[in-house]
Amino acid sequence: MATIKIKQVRSKINRPEVQKRTMAALGLRKMNQVVEHEATPQVLGMVRKVSHLIEVEEVK
């Protein structure tokens, strides 16, 4: 599986609770925090739900 880097670039303040929980599930708590995850279907689905709050790049 490929690995992806996920960086929070927008605040989760004034977002629905579902989006806040998705960000927490991805391990994102602070602005500009970067986490790495395997690109599984479950993680990619979470990324799709909060794509307006994050930046994603593939790790080689």
PDB file of N, CA and C in Angstrom:
ATOM      1  N   MET A   1       0.837  -1.195   0.000  1.00  0.00           N
ATOM      2  CA  MET A   1       0.000   0.000   0.000  1.00  0.00           C
ATOM      3  C   MET A   1       0.873   1.247   0.000  1.00  0.00           C
ATOM      4  N   ALA A   2       0.360   2.292  -0.593  1.00  0.00           N
ATOM      5  CA  ALA A   2       1.050   3.575  -0.606  1.00  0.00           C
ATOM      6  C   ALA A   2       0.825   4.288   0.723  1.00  0.00           C
ATOM      7  N   THR A   3       1.723   5.199   1.027  1.00  0.00           N
ATOM      8  CA  THR A   3       1.600   6.021   2.223  1.00  0.00           C
ATOM      9  C   THR A   3       1.281   7.443   1.793  1.00  0.00           C
ATOM     10  N   ILE A   4       0.416   8.106   2.561  1.00  0.00           N
ATOM     11  CA  ILE A   4       0.073   9.493   2.259  1.00  0.00           C
ATOM     12  C   ILE A   4       0.352  10.365   3.477  1.00  0.00           C
ATOM     13  N   LYS A   5       0.742  11.624   3.202  1.00  0.00           N
ATOM     14  CA  LYS A   5       0.911  12.626   4.243  1.00  0.00           C
ATOM     15  C   LYS A   5      -0.312  13.521   4.226  1.00  0.00           C
ATOM     16  N   ILE A   6      -0.880  13.766   5.394  1.00  0.00           N
ATOM     17  CA  ILE A   6      -2.071  14.600   5.509  1.00  0.00           C
ATOM     18  C   ILE A   6      -1.730  15.778   6.403  1.00  0.00           C
ATOM     19  N   LYS A   7      -1.985  16.990   5.927  1.00  0.00           N
ATOM     20  CA  LYS A   7      -1.674  18.211   6.675  1.00  0.00           C
ATOM     21  C   LYS A   7      -2.945  19.029   6.840  1.00  0.00           C
ATOM     22  N   GLN A   8      -3.223  19.452   8.078  1.00  0.00           N
ATOM     23  CA  GLN A   8      -4.383  20.298   8.331  1.00  0.00           C
ATOM     24  C   GLN A   8      -4.032  21.732   7.959  1.00  0.00           C
ATOM     25  N   VAL A   9      -4.812  22.328   7.038  1.00  0.00           N
ATOM     26  CA  VAL A   9      -4.528  23.687   6.578  1.00  0.00           C
ATOM     27  C   VAL A   9      -5.652  24.666   6.909  1.00  0.00           C
ATOM     28  N   ARG A  10      -6.814  24.166   7.313  1.00  0.00           N
ATOM     29  CA  ARG A  10      -7.918  25.034   7.705  1.00  0.00           C
ATOM     30  C   ARG A  10      -8.461  24.575   9.049  1.00  0.00           C
ATOM     31  N   SER A  11      -9.030  25.517   9.782  1.00  0.00           N
ATOM     32  CA  SER A  11      -9.511  25.236  11.126  1.00  0.00           C
ATOM     33  C   SER A  11     -10.787  24.400  11.097  1.00  0.00           C
ATOM     34  N   LYS A  12     -10.968  23.614  12.163  1.00  0.00           N
ATOM     35  CA  LYS A  12     -12.201  22.837  12.288  1.00  0.00           C
ATOM     36  C   LYS A  12     -13.222  23.540  13.177  1.00  0.00           C
ATOM     37  N   ILE A  13     -12.942  24.777  13.558  1.00  0.00           N
ATOM     38  CA  ILE A  13     -13.907  25.572  14.316  1.00  0.00           C
ATOM     39  C   ILE A  13     -15.111  25.861  13.412  1.00  0.00           C
ATOM     40  N   ASN A  14     -16.294  25.809  13.975  1.00  0.00           N
ATOM     41  CA  ASN A  14     -17.562  26.032  13.257  1.00  0.00           C
ATOM     42  C   ASN A  14     -17.824  24.984  12.177  1.00  0.00           C
ATOM     43  N   ARG A  15     -17.280  23.791  12.358  1.00  0.00           N
ATOM     44  CA  ARG A  15     -17.554  22.674  11.455  1.00  0.00           C
ATOM     45  C   ARG A  15     -18.496  21.703  12.157  1.00  0.00           C
ATOM     46  N   PRO A  16     -19.239  20.906  11.400  1.00  0.00           N
ATOM     47  CA  PRO A  16     -20.109  19.902  12.027  1.00  0.00           C
ATOM     48  C   PRO A  16     -19.307  18.912  12.874  1.00  0.00           C
ATOM     49  N   GLU A  17     -19.939  18.371  13.881  1.00  0.00           N
ATOM     50  CA  GLU A  17     -19.287  17.438  14.799  1.00  0.00           C
ATOM     51  C   GLU A  17     -18.716  16.219  14.066  1.00  0.00           C
ATOM     52  N   VAL A  18     -19.387  15.782  13.020  1.00  0.00           N
ATOM     53  CA  VAL A  18     -18.911  14.627  12.245  1.00  0.00           C
ATOM     54  C   VAL A  18     -17.542  14.924  11.637  1.00  0.00           C
ATOM     55  N   GLN A  19     -17.346  16.132  11.121  1.00  0.00           N
ATOM     56  CA  GLN A  19     -16.065  16.492  10.530  1.00  0.00           C
ATOM     57  C   GLN A  19     -14.989  16.620  11.605  1.00  0.00           C
ATOM     58  N   LYS A  20     -15.340  17.144  12.764  1.00  0.00           N
ATOM     59  CA  LYS A  20     -14.378  17.247  13.864  1.00  0.00           C
ATOM     60  C   LYS A  20     -13.913  15.868  14.301  1.00  0.00           C
ATOM     61  N   ARG A  21     -14.841  14.919  14.380  1.00  0.00           N
ATOM     62  CA  ARG A  21     -14.481  13.557  14.783  1.00  0.00           C
ATOM     63  C   ARG A  21     -13.647  12.861  13.715  1.00  0.00           C
ATOM     64  N   THR A  22     -13.914  13.154  12.453  1.00  0.00           N
ATOM     65  CA  THR A  22     -13.123  12.578  11.377  1.00  0.00           C
ATOM     66  C   THR A  22     -11.690  13.086  11.447  1.00  0.00           C
ATOM     67  N   MET A  23     -11.524  14.382  11.710  1.00  0.00           N
ATOM     68  CA  MET A  23     -10.177  14.950  11.850  1.00  0.00           C
ATOM     69  C   MET A  23      -9.454  14.302  13.027  1.00  0.00           C
ATOM     70  N   ALA A  24     -10.158  14.100  14.127  1.00  0.00           N
ATOM     71  CA  ALA A  24      -9.550  13.451  15.293  1.00  0.00           C
ATOM     72  C   ALA A  24      -9.165  12.012  14.967  1.00  0.00           C
ATOM     73  N   ALA A  25     -10.002  11.318  14.208  1.00  0.00           N
ATOM     74  CA  ALA A  25      -9.714   9.936  13.824  1.00  0.00           C
ATOM     75  C   ALA A  25      -8.479   9.854  12.927  1.00  0.00           C
ATOM     76  N   LEU A  26      -8.250  10.892  12.149  1.00  0.00           N
ATOM     77  CA  LEU A  26      -7.052  10.946  11.311  1.00  0.00           C
ATOM     78  C   LEU A  26      -5.820  11.336  12.123  1.00  0.00           C
ATOM     79  N   GLY A  27      -6.015  11.801  13.354  1.00  0.00           N
ATOM     80  CA  GLY A  27      -4.895  12.179  14.215  1.00  0.00           C
ATOM     81  C   GLY A  27      -4.519  13.632  14.121  1.00  0.00           C
ATOM     82  N   LEU A  28      -5.404  14.456  13.548  1.00  0.00           N
ATOM     83  CA  LEU A  28      -5.122  15.879  13.380  1.00  0.00           C
ATOM     84  C   LEU A  28      -5.771  16.680  14.498  1.00  0.00           C
ATOM     85  N   ARG A  29      -4.948  17.383  15.281  1.00  0.00           N
ATOM     86  CA  ARG A  29      -5.465  18.177  16.385  1.00  0.00           C
ATOM     87  C   ARG A  29      -5.171  19.660  16.230  1.00  0.00           C
ATOM     88  N   LYS A  30      -4.049  19.998  15.573  1.00  0.00           N
ATOM     89  CA  LYS A  30      -3.613  21.384  15.475  1.00  0.00           C
ATOM     90  C   LYS A  30      -3.428  21.793  14.018  1.00  0.00           C
ATOM     91  N   MET A  31      -3.443  23.090  13.785  1.00  0.00           N
ATOM     92  CA  MET A  31      -3.173  23.621  12.451  1.00  0.00           C
ATOM     93  C   MET A  31      -1.743  23.261  12.042  1.00  0.00           C
ATOM     94  N   ASN A  32      -1.553  22.983  10.762  1.00  0.00           N
ATOM     95  CA  ASN A  32      -0.260  22.654  10.163  1.00  0.00           C
ATOM     96  C   ASN A  32       0.356  21.367  10.698  1.00  0.00           C
ATOM     97  N   GLN A  33      -0.410  20.571  11.420  1.00  0.00           N
ATOM     98  CA  GLN A  33       0.073  19.281  11.875  1.00  0.00           C
ATOM     99  C   GLN A  33       0.063  18.311  10.696  1.00  0.00           C
ATOM    100  N   VAL A  34       1.085  17.479  10.620  1.00  0.00           N
ATOM    101  CA  VAL A  34       1.200  16.507   9.528  1.00  0.00           C
ATOM    102  C   VAL A  34       1.207  15.099  10.122  1.00  0.00           C
ATOM    103  N   VAL A  35       0.409  14.212   9.532  1.00  0.00           N
ATOM    104  CA  VAL A  35       0.387  12.804   9.928  1.00  0.00           C
ATOM    105  C   VAL A  35       0.549  11.953   8.678  1.00  0.00           C
ATOM    106  N   GLU A  36       1.048  10.736   8.869  1.00  0.00           N
ATOM    107  CA  GLU A  36       1.181   9.794   7.765  1.00  0.00           C
ATOM    108  C   GLU A  36       0.281   8.591   8.021  1.00  0.00           C
ATOM    109  N   HIS A  37      -0.390   8.145   6.972  1.00  0.00           N
ATOM    110  CA  HIS A  37      -1.264   6.977   7.049  1.00  0.00           C
ATOM    111  C   HIS A  37      -1.078   6.135   5.798  1.00  0.00           C
ATOM    112  N   GLU A  38      -1.371   4.856   5.920  1.00  0.00           N
ATOM    113  CA  GLU A  38      -1.449   3.989   4.749  1.00  0.00           C
ATOM    114  C   GLU A  38      -2.704   4.386   3.956  1.00  0.00           C
ATOM    115  N   ALA A  39      -2.638   4.317   2.656  1.00  0.00           N
ATOM    116  CA  ALA A  39      -3.753   4.718   1.794  1.00  0.00           C
ATOM    117  C   ALA A  39      -4.755   3.580   1.655  1.00  0.00           C
ATOM    118  N   THR A  40      -5.419   3.234   2.758  1.00  0.00           N
ATOM    119  CA  THR A  40      -6.452   2.204   2.730  1.00  0.00           C
ATOM    120  C   THR A  40      -7.772   2.842   2.300  1.00  0.00           C
ATOM    121  N   PRO A  41      -8.736   2.049   1.872  1.00  0.00           N
ATOM    122  CA  PRO A  41     -10.037   2.614   1.499  1.00  0.00           C
ATOM    123  C   PRO A  41     -10.705   3.384   2.642  1.00  0.00           C
ATOM    124  N   GLN A  42     -10.501   2.925   3.880  1.00  0.00           N
ATOM    125  CA  GLN A  42     -11.106   3.605   5.023  1.00  0.00           C
ATOM    126  C   GLN A  42     -10.508   4.992   5.217  1.00  0.00           C
ATOM    127  N   VAL A  43      -9.200   5.096   5.133  1.00  0.00           N
ATOM    128  CA  VAL A  43      -8.522   6.380   5.308  1.00  0.00           C
ATOM    129  C   VAL A  43      -8.855   7.308   4.149  1.00  0.00           C
ATOM    130  N   LEU A  44      -8.878   6.795   2.939  1.00  0.00           N
ATOM    131  CA  LEU A  44      -9.197   7.631   1.776  1.00  0.00           C
ATOM    132  C   LEU A  44     -10.621   8.163   1.853  1.00  0.00           C
ATOM    133  N   GLY A  45     -11.544   7.382   2.414  1.00  0.00           N
ATOM    134  CA  GLY A  45     -12.911   7.857   2.610  1.00  0.00           C
ATOM    135  C   GLY A  45     -12.966   9.001   3.607  1.00  0.00           C
ATOM    136  N   MET A  46     -12.194   8.902   4.701  1.00  0.00           N
ATOM    137  CA  MET A  46     -12.136   9.988   5.683  1.00  0.00           C
ATOM    138  C   MET A  46     -11.517  11.236   5.074  1.00  0.00           C
ATOM    139  N   VAL A  47     -10.476  11.040   4.265  1.00  0.00           N
ATOM    140  CA  VAL A  47      -9.826  12.173   3.595  1.00  0.00           C
ATOM    141  C   VAL A  47     -10.815  12.878   2.682  1.00  0.00           C
ATOM    142  N   ARG A  48     -11.624  12.120   1.970  1.00  0.00           N
ATOM    143  CA  ARG A  48     -12.608  12.698   1.056  1.00  0.00           C
ATOM    144  C   ARG A  48     -13.633  13.549   1.809  1.00  0.00           C
ATOM    145  N   LYS A  49     -14.016  13.134   3.017  1.00  0.00           N
ATOM    146  CA  LYS A  49     -15.030  13.849   3.798  1.00  0.00           C
ATOM    147  C   LYS A  49     -14.544  15.195   4.306  1.00  0.00           C
ATOM    148  N   VAL A  50     -13.234  15.321   4.545  1.00  0.00           N
ATOM    149  CA  VAL A  50     -12.700  16.581   5.086  1.00  0.00           C
ATOM    150  C   VAL A  50     -11.660  17.189   4.142  1.00  0.00           C
ATOM    151  N   SER A  51     -11.802  16.928   2.862  1.00  0.00           N
ATOM    152  CA  SER A  51     -10.809  17.381   1.880  1.00  0.00           C
ATOM    153  C   SER A  51     -10.678  18.906   1.825  1.00  0.00           C
ATOM    154  N   HIS A  52     -11.705  19.628   2.242  1.00  0.00           N
ATOM    155  CA  HIS A  52     -11.662  21.087   2.227  1.00  0.00           C
ATOM    156  C   HIS A  52     -10.860  21.646   3.401  1.00  0.00           C
ATOM    157  N   LEU A  53     -10.460  20.804   4.345  1.00  0.00           N
ATOM    158  CA  LEU A  53      -9.705  21.242   5.522  1.00  0.00           C
ATOM    159  C   LEU A  53      -8.253  20.792   5.490  1.00  0.00           C
ATOM    160  N   ILE A  54      -7.899  19.927   4.561  1.00  0.00           N
ATOM    161  CA  ILE A  54      -6.566  19.310   4.580  1.00  0.00           C
ATOM    162  C   ILE A  54      -5.898  19.367   3.210  1.00  0.00           C
ATOM    163  N   GLU A  55      -4.584  19.100   3.213  1.00  0.00           N
ATOM    164  CA  GLU A  55      -3.818  18.871   1.989  1.00  0.00           C
ATOM    165  C   GLU A  55      -3.251  17.468   2.075  1.00  0.00           C
ATOM    166  N   VAL A  56      -3.232  16.783   0.952  1.00  0.00           N
ATOM    167  CA  VAL A  56      -2.754  15.403   0.921  1.00  0.00           C
ATOM    168  C   VAL A  56      -1.659  15.282  -0.122  1.00  0.00           C
ATOM    169  N   GLU A  57      -0.581  14.563   0.225  1.00  0.00           N
ATOM    170  CA  GLU A  57       0.443  14.257  -0.755  1.00  0.00           C
ATOM    171  C   GLU A  57       0.921  12.834  -0.546  1.00  0.00           C
ATOM    172  N   GLU A  58       1.314  12.211  -1.629  1.00  0.00           N
ATOM    173  CA  GLU A  58       1.761  10.826  -1.577  1.00  0.00           C
ATOM    174  C   GLU A  58       3.250  10.788  -1.246  1.00  0.00           C
ATOM    175  N   VAL A  59       3.621   9.870  -0.370  1.00  0.00           N
ATOM    176  CA  VAL A  59       5.022   9.688   0.017  1.00  0.00           C
ATOM    177  C   VAL A  59       5.609   8.615  -0.883  1.00  0.00           C
ATOM    178  N   LYS A  60       6.769   8.867  -1.400  1.00  0.00           N
ATOM    179  CA  LYS A  60       7.418   7.904  -2.309  1.00  0.00           C
ATOM    180  C   LYS A  60       8.037   6.759  -1.536  1.00  0.00           C
TER     181      LYS A  60
END
